[in-house]
Amino acid sequence: MALTGNYNFKGLDIPNAYIKVDSSDCISRYYEEWDEATTSSIWVERQWGSYRASIYVDESCRTNNPKDILDSIDGRFAHSSSADSKNILIQSYEHIKQQYSGSTWTDC
């Protein structure tokens, strides 16, 4: 799984840039919050997804020389772990599409 689309690298438009998520992870933490209904504190679980991705000039550049990375990005988002949610990797790609909404990213 990867994305292709237009990427602006330091003012230079790369029309067929190729983004490949290198790593993705889910982070789960518990926080104490005040519950007005019960007038007591409760523990609430919060989950985040995080990823790191490499950006290449195009798909052939990634295939022929995977160490020739144009740029790298990372991100963090509210992770959904409900039964109908998508896996963490798919959620990572969806977050990239949202972050760069000015571009037309397509799955490949």
Protein backbone atom coordinates (compact mmCIF):
# COMPACT_ATOMS: atom_id res chain seq x y z
CA MET A 1 0.00 0.00 0.00
CA ALA A 2 1.20 3.51 -0.85
CA LEU A 3 -0.01 6.85 -2.21
CA THR A 4 0.85 8.83 -5.32
CA GLY A 5 0.06 12.45 -5.98
CA ASN A 6 1.32 16.00 -6.21
CA TYR A 7 3.77 17.00 -3.46
CA ASN A 8 5.34 20.41 -2.95
CA PHE A 9 8.94 20.03 -1.83
CA LYS A 10 10.51 23.38 -0.88
CA GLY A 11 8.52 25.22 -3.55
CA LEU A 12 9.06 22.59 -6.24
CA ASP A 13 5.99 20.63 -7.36
CA ILE A 14 6.60 16.89 -7.68
CA PRO A 15 3.66 15.63 -9.81
CA ASN A 16 3.93 11.87 -9.20
CA ALA A 17 5.38 11.75 -5.71
CA TYR A 18 5.22 8.38 -3.98
CA ILE A 19 4.54 8.11 -0.24
CA LYS A 20 5.23 4.89 1.63
CA VAL A 21 4.49 4.54 5.36
CA ASP A 22 7.58 3.04 6.95
CA SER A 23 6.15 2.54 10.42
CA SER A 24 2.84 3.00 12.21
CA ASP A 25 1.90 2.42 15.80
CA CYS A 26 -0.97 2.76 18.23
CA ILE A 27 -0.40 4.48 21.56
CA SER A 28 -2.84 3.97 24.41
CA ARG A 29 -2.82 6.02 27.63
CA TYR A 30 -5.14 6.32 30.59
CA TYR A 31 -6.02 9.73 32.03
CA GLU A 32 -7.91 10.65 35.14
CA GLU A 33 -10.91 12.88 34.48
CA TRP A 34 -13.62 14.35 36.66
CA ASP A 35 -17.11 12.91 36.11
CA GLU A 36 -19.81 15.46 36.99
CA ALA A 37 -22.55 12.82 37.00
CA THR A 38 -20.94 10.74 39.73
CA THR A 39 -18.92 13.60 41.26
CA SER A 40 -15.83 11.46 41.28
CA SER A 41 -12.81 10.89 39.13
CA ILE A 42 -12.76 8.17 36.48
CA TRP A 43 -10.05 6.69 34.30
CA VAL A 44 -10.50 7.25 30.58
CA GLU A 45 -8.49 5.57 27.84
CA ARG A 46 -7.25 7.71 24.94
CA GLN A 47 -5.69 6.23 21.82
CA TRP A 48 -3.48 7.82 19.19
CA GLY A 49 -2.00 6.51 16.03
CA SER A 50 1.40 7.65 14.86
CA TYR A 51 3.35 7.06 11.67
CA ARG A 52 6.52 7.90 9.79
CA ALA A 53 6.53 7.91 6.00
CA SER A 54 9.09 8.39 3.24
CA ILE A 55 8.41 10.47 0.14
CA TYR A 56 10.06 9.61 -3.16
CA VAL A 57 10.13 11.44 -6.51
CA ASP A 58 8.01 8.65 -8.00
CA GLU A 59 7.30 4.94 -7.66
CA SER A 60 10.18 3.86 -9.88
CA CYS A 61 12.61 5.83 -7.70
CA ARG A 62 11.31 3.91 -4.65
CA THR A 63 11.56 0.58 -6.50
CA ASN A 64 15.04 1.12 -7.98
CA ASN A 65 16.69 2.97 -5.09
CA PRO A 66 14.71 2.87 -1.83
CA LYS A 67 17.44 4.78 0.02
CA ASP A 68 16.97 7.82 -2.24
CA ILE A 69 14.33 9.54 -0.08
CA LEU A 70 13.18 13.02 -1.14
CA ASP A 71 11.52 13.90 2.18
CA SER A 72 10.00 12.26 5.22
CA ILE A 73 6.91 13.09 7.22
CA ASP A 74 5.42 11.95 10.48
CA GLY A 75 2.07 12.45 12.09
CA ARG A 76 -0.20 11.69 14.97
CA PHE A 77 -3.97 11.27 14.93
CA ALA A 78 -6.89 10.08 17.03
CA HIS A 79 -6.88 6.33 16.52
CA SER A 80 -10.16 4.44 16.34
CA SER A 81 -10.18 0.90 17.67
CA SER A 82 -13.88 0.18 17.30
CA ALA A 83 -14.93 -3.09 15.70
CA ASP A 84 -15.75 -1.40 12.37
CA SER A 85 -12.62 0.77 12.20
CA LYS A 86 -9.81 0.18 9.73
CA ASN A 87 -6.38 -1.04 10.78
CA ILE A 88 -3.70 1.38 11.95
CA LEU A 89 -1.84 1.37 8.62
CA ILE A 90 -4.94 2.30 6.62
CA GLN A 91 -5.78 5.01 9.17
CA SER A 92 -2.24 6.37 8.74
CA TYR A 93 -2.68 6.70 4.97
CA GLU A 94 -6.08 8.35 5.45
CA HIS A 95 -4.49 10.86 7.83
CA ILE A 96 -1.82 11.71 5.25
CA LYS A 97 -4.55 12.36 2.67
CA GLN A 98 -6.29 14.73 5.13
CA GLN A 99 -3.06 16.56 6.01
CA TYR A 100 -2.28 17.25 2.36
CA SER A 101 -5.85 17.84 1.24
CA GLY A 102 -4.75 20.30 -1.46
CA SER A 103 -3.21 17.39 -3.32
CA THR A 104 -5.01 14.60 -5.12
CA TRP A 105 -3.57 11.49 -3.50
CA THR A 106 -4.53 8.14 -4.91
CA ASP A 107 -3.98 4.69 -3.45
CA CYS A 108 -1.62 2.42 -5.30
